[in-house]
Amino acid sequence: MFELCGRMFELSGRMFELSGQMFELSGRMFELSGRMFELSGRMFELSGRYVASSSRLTICQAPNLLT
């Protein structure tokens, strides 16, 4: 009877260890997805700056084209 209880405690300990590793993995996945969102945000910011600078260039070039 005590041996059975010991095995049950051992199994539950292993289950807690496995769930801890799963939480650690999911935490790393959330961290990675956060970094991916940050990178995509920087890419959007850079593309926005590129569009703004290119539109300024076309506005600056437009009067020259008219004359």
PDB file of N, CA and C in Angstrom:
ATOM      1  N   MET A   1       0.831  -1.199   0.000  1.00  0.00           N
ATOM      2  CA  MET A   1       0.000   0.000   0.000  1.00  0.00           C
ATOM      3  C   MET A   1       0.873   1.260   0.000  1.00  0.00           C
ATOM      4  N   PHE A   2       1.910   1.236   0.865  1.00  0.00           N
ATOM      5  CA  PHE A   2       2.803   2.398   0.900  1.00  0.00           C
ATOM      6  C   PHE A   2       3.601   2.515  -0.394  1.00  0.00           C
ATOM      7  N   GLU A   3       3.937   1.359  -0.966  1.00  0.00           N
ATOM      8  CA  GLU A   3       4.681   1.368  -2.231  1.00  0.00           C
ATOM      9  C   GLU A   3       3.826   1.996  -3.337  1.00  0.00           C
ATOM     10  N   LEU A   4       2.535   1.678  -3.349  1.00  0.00           N
ATOM     11  CA  LEU A   4       1.622   2.251  -4.347  1.00  0.00           C
ATOM     12  C   LEU A   4       1.517   3.765  -4.176  1.00  0.00           C
ATOM     13  N   CYS A   5       1.406   4.209  -2.916  1.00  0.00           N
ATOM     14  CA  CYS A   5       1.343   5.657  -2.665  1.00  0.00           C
ATOM     15  C   CYS A   5       2.644   6.326  -3.092  1.00  0.00           C
ATOM     16  N   GLY A   6       3.759   5.678  -2.867  1.00  0.00           N
ATOM     17  CA  GLY A   6       5.048   6.239  -3.285  1.00  0.00           C
ATOM     18  C   GLY A   6       5.128   6.379  -4.794  1.00  0.00           C
ATOM     19  N   ARG A   7       4.647   5.362  -5.497  1.00  0.00           N
ATOM     20  CA  ARG A   7       4.659   5.438  -6.964  1.00  0.00           C
ATOM     21  C   ARG A   7       3.737   6.541  -7.466  1.00  0.00           C
ATOM     22  N   MET A   8       2.607   6.706  -6.807  1.00  0.00           N
ATOM     23  CA  MET A   8       1.675   7.764  -7.208  1.00  0.00           C
ATOM     24  C   MET A   8       2.310   9.143  -7.006  1.00  0.00           C
ATOM     25  N   PHE A   9       2.998   9.328  -5.870  1.00  0.00           N
ATOM     26  CA  PHE A   9       3.674  10.601  -5.624  1.00  0.00           C
ATOM     27  C   PHE A   9       4.785  10.828  -6.654  1.00  0.00           C
ATOM     28  N   GLU A  10       5.503   9.756  -6.990  1.00  0.00           N
ATOM     29  CA  GLU A  10       6.562   9.870  -7.978  1.00  0.00           C
ATOM     30  C   GLU A  10       5.984  10.259  -9.347  1.00  0.00           C
ATOM     31  N   LEU A  11       4.884   9.636  -9.723  1.00  0.00           N
ATOM     32  CA  LEU A  11       4.238   9.960 -10.996  1.00  0.00           C
ATOM     33  C   LEU A  11       3.725  11.397 -11.015  1.00  0.00           C
ATOM     34  N   SER A  12       3.104  11.806  -9.912  1.00  0.00           N
ATOM     35  CA  SER A  12       2.595  13.180  -9.865  1.00  0.00           C
ATOM     36  C   SER A  12       3.759  14.174  -9.905  1.00  0.00           C
ATOM     37  N   GLY A  13       4.879  13.813  -9.289  1.00  0.00           N
ATOM     38  CA  GLY A  13       6.054  14.679  -9.370  1.00  0.00           C
ATOM     39  C   GLY A  13       6.556  14.815 -10.788  1.00  0.00           C
ATOM     40  N   ARG A  14       6.578  13.694 -11.506  1.00  0.00           N
ATOM     41  CA  ARG A  14       7.005  13.745 -12.904  1.00  0.00           C
ATOM     42  C   ARG A  14       6.035  14.570 -13.748  1.00  0.00           C
ATOM     43  N   MET A  15       4.750  14.450 -13.459  1.00  0.00           N
ATOM     44  CA  MET A  15       3.755  15.228 -14.185  1.00  0.00           C
ATOM     45  C   MET A  15       3.954  16.721 -13.938  1.00  0.00           C
ATOM     46  N   PHE A  16       4.226  17.088 -12.671  1.00  0.00           N
ATOM     47  CA  PHE A  16       4.481  18.498 -12.363  1.00  0.00           C
ATOM     48  C   PHE A  16       5.737  18.981 -13.077  1.00  0.00           C
ATOM     49  N   GLU A  17       6.761  18.137 -13.141  1.00  0.00           N
ATOM     50  CA  GLU A  17       7.993  18.501 -13.839  1.00  0.00           C
ATOM     51  C   GLU A  17       7.723  18.713 -15.323  1.00  0.00           C
ATOM     52  N   LEU A  18       6.948  17.815 -15.926  1.00  0.00           N
ATOM     53  CA  LEU A  18       6.612  17.939 -17.345  1.00  0.00           C
ATOM     54  C   LEU A  18       5.786  19.190 -17.615  1.00  0.00           C
ATOM     55  N   SER A  19       4.807  19.462 -16.743  1.00  0.00           N
ATOM     56  CA  SER A  19       3.986  20.658 -16.948  1.00  0.00           C
ATOM     57  C   SER A  19       4.830  21.919 -16.772  1.00  0.00           C
ATOM     58  N   GLY A  20       5.812  21.872 -15.862  1.00  0.00           N
ATOM     59  CA  GLY A  20       6.711  23.011 -15.724  1.00  0.00           C
ATOM     60  C   GLY A  20       7.516  23.247 -16.985  1.00  0.00           C
ATOM     61  N   GLN A  21       8.001  22.158 -17.596  1.00  0.00           N
ATOM     62  CA  GLN A  21       8.743  22.294 -18.847  1.00  0.00           C
ATOM     63  C   GLN A  21       7.841  22.816 -19.958  1.00  0.00           C
ATOM     64  N   MET A  22       6.586  22.370 -19.971  1.00  0.00           N
ATOM     65  CA  MET A  22       5.648  22.861 -20.983  1.00  0.00           C
ATOM     66  C   MET A  22       5.397  24.355 -20.801  1.00  0.00           C
ATOM     67  N   PHE A  23       5.247  24.817 -19.535  1.00  0.00           N
ATOM     68  CA  PHE A  23       5.056  26.244 -19.282  1.00  0.00           C
ATOM     69  C   PHE A  23       6.284  27.032 -19.723  1.00  0.00           C
ATOM     70  N   GLU A  24       7.479  26.470 -19.469  1.00  0.00           N
ATOM     71  CA  GLU A  24       8.708  27.136 -19.897  1.00  0.00           C
ATOM     72  C   GLU A  24       8.752  27.256 -21.417  1.00  0.00           C
ATOM     73  N   LEU A  25       8.376  26.179 -22.114  1.00  0.00           N
ATOM     74  CA  LEU A  25       8.364  26.202 -23.579  1.00  0.00           C
ATOM     75  C   LEU A  25       7.353  27.210 -24.112  1.00  0.00           C
ATOM     76  N   SER A  26       6.170  27.237 -23.525  1.00  0.00           N
ATOM     77  CA  SER A  26       5.159  28.189 -23.995  1.00  0.00           C
ATOM     78  C   SER A  26       5.613  29.618 -23.707  1.00  0.00           C
ATOM     79  N   GLY A  27       6.315  29.819 -22.588  1.00  0.00           N
ATOM     80  CA  GLY A  27       6.852  31.140 -22.309  1.00  0.00           C
ATOM     81  C   GLY A  27       7.864  31.567 -23.352  1.00  0.00           C
ATOM     82  N   ARG A  28       8.719  30.618 -23.770  1.00  0.00           N
ATOM     83  CA  ARG A  28       9.698  30.936 -24.810  1.00  0.00           C
ATOM     84  C   ARG A  28       8.994  31.226 -26.133  1.00  0.00           C
ATOM     85  N   MET A  29       7.926  30.485 -26.422  1.00  0.00           N
ATOM     86  CA  MET A  29       7.183  30.727 -27.655  1.00  0.00           C
ATOM     87  C   MET A  29       6.556  32.118 -27.640  1.00  0.00           C
ATOM     88  N   PHE A  30       5.994  32.521 -26.478  1.00  0.00           N
ATOM     89  CA  PHE A  30       5.421  33.863 -26.369  1.00  0.00           C
ATOM     90  C   PHE A  30       6.505  34.924 -26.546  1.00  0.00           C
ATOM     91  N   GLU A  31       7.692  34.663 -25.973  1.00  0.00           N
ATOM     92  CA  GLU A  31       8.794  35.608 -26.113  1.00  0.00           C
ATOM     93  C   GLU A  31       9.197  35.743 -27.581  1.00  0.00           C
ATOM     94  N   LEU A  32       9.271  34.601 -28.278  1.00  0.00           N
ATOM     95  CA  LEU A  32       9.639  34.620 -29.696  1.00  0.00           C
ATOM     96  C   LEU A  32       8.592  35.349 -30.531  1.00  0.00           C
ATOM     97  N   SER A  33       7.318  35.086 -30.247  1.00  0.00           N
ATOM     98  CA  SER A  33       6.269  35.765 -31.015  1.00  0.00           C
ATOM     99  C   SER A  33       6.289  37.259 -30.719  1.00  0.00           C
ATOM    100  N   GLY A  34       6.609  37.631 -29.475  1.00  0.00           N
ATOM    101  CA  GLY A  34       6.735  39.049 -29.157  1.00  0.00           C
ATOM    102  C   GLY A  34       7.853  39.697 -29.944  1.00  0.00           C
ATOM    103  N   ARG A  35       8.983  38.992 -30.077  1.00  0.00           N
ATOM    104  CA  ARG A  35      10.090  39.532 -30.865  1.00  0.00           C
ATOM    105  C   ARG A  35       9.701  39.640 -32.329  1.00  0.00           C
ATOM    106  N   MET A  36       8.940  38.673 -32.830  1.00  0.00           N
ATOM    107  CA  MET A  36       8.498  38.727 -34.218  1.00  0.00           C
ATOM    108  C   MET A  36       7.572  39.924 -34.442  1.00  0.00           C
ATOM    109  N   PHE A  37       6.667  40.183 -33.483  1.00  0.00           N
ATOM    110  CA  PHE A  37       5.796  41.349 -33.596  1.00  0.00           C
ATOM    111  C   PHE A  37       6.609  42.639 -33.575  1.00  0.00           C
ATOM    112  N   GLU A  38       7.646  42.671 -32.712  1.00  0.00           N
ATOM    113  CA  GLU A  38       8.496  43.854 -32.642  1.00  0.00           C
ATOM    114  C   GLU A  38       9.213  44.076 -33.968  1.00  0.00           C
ATOM    115  N   LEU A  39       9.730  42.987 -34.543  1.00  0.00           N
ATOM    116  CA  LEU A  39      10.420  43.102 -35.830  1.00  0.00           C
ATOM    117  C   LEU A  39       9.474  43.562 -36.929  1.00  0.00           C
ATOM    118  N   SER A  40       8.263  42.996 -36.963  1.00  0.00           N
ATOM    119  CA  SER A  40       7.316  43.412 -38.001  1.00  0.00           C
ATOM    120  C   SER A  40       6.908  44.873 -37.794  1.00  0.00           C
ATOM    121  N   GLY A  41       6.812  45.297 -36.532  1.00  0.00           N
ATOM    122  CA  GLY A  41       6.513  46.699 -36.267  1.00  0.00           C
ATOM    123  C   GLY A  41       7.609  47.604 -36.787  1.00  0.00           C
ATOM    124  N   ARG A  42       8.873  47.190 -36.597  1.00  0.00           N
ATOM    125  CA  ARG A  42       9.985  47.990 -37.111  1.00  0.00           C
ATOM    126  C   ARG A  42       9.968  48.016 -38.634  1.00  0.00           C
ATOM    127  N   MET A  43       9.617  46.886 -39.247  1.00  0.00           N
ATOM    128  CA  MET A  43       9.541  46.843 -40.701  1.00  0.00           C
ATOM    129  C   MET A  43       8.453  47.791 -41.210  1.00  0.00           C
ATOM    130  N   PHE A  44       7.284  47.809 -40.535  1.00  0.00           N
ATOM    131  CA  PHE A  44       6.218  48.724 -40.929  1.00  0.00           C
ATOM    132  C   PHE A  44       6.667  50.171 -40.767  1.00  0.00           C
ATOM    133  N   GLU A  45       7.393  50.442 -39.664  1.00  0.00           N
ATOM    134  CA  GLU A  45       7.877  51.800 -39.443  1.00  0.00           C
ATOM    135  C   GLU A  45       8.850  52.216 -40.540  1.00  0.00           C
ATOM    136  N   LEU A  46       9.761  51.307 -40.893  1.00  0.00           N
ATOM    137  CA  LEU A  46      10.727  51.611 -41.946  1.00  0.00           C
ATOM    138  C   LEU A  46      10.034  51.818 -43.285  1.00  0.00           C
ATOM    139  N   SER A  47       9.056  50.964 -43.604  1.00  0.00           N
ATOM    140  CA  SER A  47       8.355  51.123 -44.880  1.00  0.00           C
ATOM    141  C   SER A  47       7.548  52.417 -44.880  1.00  0.00           C
ATOM    142  N   GLY A  48       6.994  52.785 -43.714  1.00  0.00           N
ATOM    143  CA  GLY A  48       6.275  54.058 -43.631  1.00  0.00           C
ATOM    144  C   GLY A  48       7.196  55.241 -43.874  1.00  0.00           C
ATOM    145  N   ARG A  49       8.404  55.169 -43.306  1.00  0.00           N
ATOM    146  CA  ARG A  49       9.370  56.246 -43.536  1.00  0.00           C
ATOM    147  C   ARG A  49       9.779  56.297 -45.003  1.00  0.00           C
ATOM    148  N   TYR A  50       9.937  55.125 -45.608  1.00  0.00           N
ATOM    149  CA  TYR A  50      10.324  55.080 -47.024  1.00  0.00           C
ATOM    150  C   TYR A  50       9.248  55.706 -47.897  1.00  0.00           C
ATOM    151  N   VAL A  51       7.974  55.362 -47.608  1.00  0.00           N
ATOM    152  CA  VAL A  51       6.867  55.925 -48.383  1.00  0.00           C
ATOM    153  C   VAL A  51       6.809  57.437 -48.186  1.00  0.00           C
ATOM    154  N   ALA A  52       7.015  57.896 -46.945  1.00  0.00           N
ATOM    155  CA  ALA A  52       6.968  59.340 -46.681  1.00  0.00           C
ATOM    156  C   ALA A  52       8.098  60.053 -47.400  1.00  0.00           C
ATOM    157  N   SER A  53       9.298  59.497 -47.363  1.00  0.00           N
ATOM    158  CA  SER A  53      10.425  60.148 -48.030  1.00  0.00           C
ATOM    159  C   SER A  53      10.243  60.116 -49.541  1.00  0.00           C
ATOM    160  N   SER A  54       9.730  59.027 -50.080  1.00  0.00           N
ATOM    161  CA  SER A  54       9.537  58.963 -51.529  1.00  0.00           C
ATOM    162  C   SER A  54       8.428  59.919 -51.965  1.00  0.00           C
ATOM    163  N   SER A  55       7.387  60.091 -51.146  1.00  0.00           N
ATOM    164  CA  SER A  55       6.332  61.038 -51.516  1.00  0.00           C
ATOM    165  C   SER A  55       6.856  62.464 -51.437  1.00  0.00           C
ATOM    166  N   ARG A  56       7.747  62.750 -50.480  1.00  0.00           N
ATOM    167  CA  ARG A  56       8.353  64.078 -50.426  1.00  0.00           C
ATOM    168  C   ARG A  56       9.209  64.334 -51.665  1.00  0.00           C
ATOM    169  N   LEU A  57       9.901  63.305 -52.105  1.00  0.00           N
ATOM    170  CA  LEU A  57      10.734  63.459 -53.298  1.00  0.00           C
ATOM    171  C   LEU A  57       9.875  63.764 -54.519  1.00  0.00           C
ATOM    172  N   THR A  58       8.752  63.071 -54.648  1.00  0.00           N
ATOM    173  CA  THR A  58       7.900  63.316 -55.812  1.00  0.00           C
ATOM    174  C   THR A  58       7.286  64.704 -55.743  1.00  0.00           C
ATOM    175  N   ILE A  59       6.951  65.180 -54.522  1.00  0.00           N
ATOM    176  CA  ILE A  59       6.398  66.528 -54.385  1.00  0.00           C
ATOM    177  C   ILE A  59       7.458  67.566 -54.733  1.00  0.00           C
ATOM    178  N   CYS A  60       8.698  67.306 -54.309  1.00  0.00           N
ATOM    179  CA  CYS A  60       9.778  68.248 -54.625  1.00  0.00           C
ATOM    180  C   CYS A  60      10.104  68.237 -56.124  1.00  0.00           C
ATOM    181  N   GLN A  61       9.946  67.121 -56.767  1.00  0.00           N
ATOM    182  CA  GLN A  61      10.288  67.021 -58.181  1.00  0.00           C
ATOM    183  C   GLN A  61       9.156  67.515 -59.086  1.00  0.00           C
ATOM    184  N   ALA A  62       7.950  67.550 -58.542  1.00  0.00           N
ATOM    185  CA  ALA A  62       6.806  67.904 -59.370  1.00  0.00           C
ATOM    186  C   ALA A  62       6.911  69.317 -59.977  1.00  0.00           C
ATOM    187  N   PRO A  63       7.274  70.365 -59.205  1.00  0.00           N
ATOM    188  CA  PRO A  63       7.373  71.707 -59.842  1.00  0.00           C
ATOM    189  C   PRO A  63       8.433  71.739 -60.933  1.00  0.00           C
ATOM    190  N   ASN A  64       9.484  70.994 -60.774  1.00  0.00           N
ATOM    191  CA  ASN A  64      10.529  70.966 -61.808  1.00  0.00           C
ATOM    192  C   ASN A  64       9.997  70.343 -63.099  1.00  0.00           C
ATOM    193  N   LEU A  65       9.103  69.394 -62.960  1.00  0.00           N
ATOM    194  CA  LEU A  65       8.560  68.737 -64.139  1.00  0.00           C
ATOM    195  C   LEU A  65       7.590  69.629 -64.881  1.00  0.00           C
ATOM    196  N   LEU A  66       6.927  70.520 -64.140  1.00  0.00           N
ATOM    197  CA  LEU A  66       5.946  71.397 -64.771  1.00  0.00           C
ATOM    198  C   LEU A  66       6.594  72.468 -65.619  1.00  0.00           C
ATOM    199  N   THR A  67       7.769  72.920 -65.218  1.00  0.00           N
ATOM    200  CA  THR A  67       8.392  74.039 -65.954  1.00  0.00           C
ATOM    201  C   THR A  67       9.130  73.594 -67.181  1.00  0.00           C
TER     202      THR A  67
END
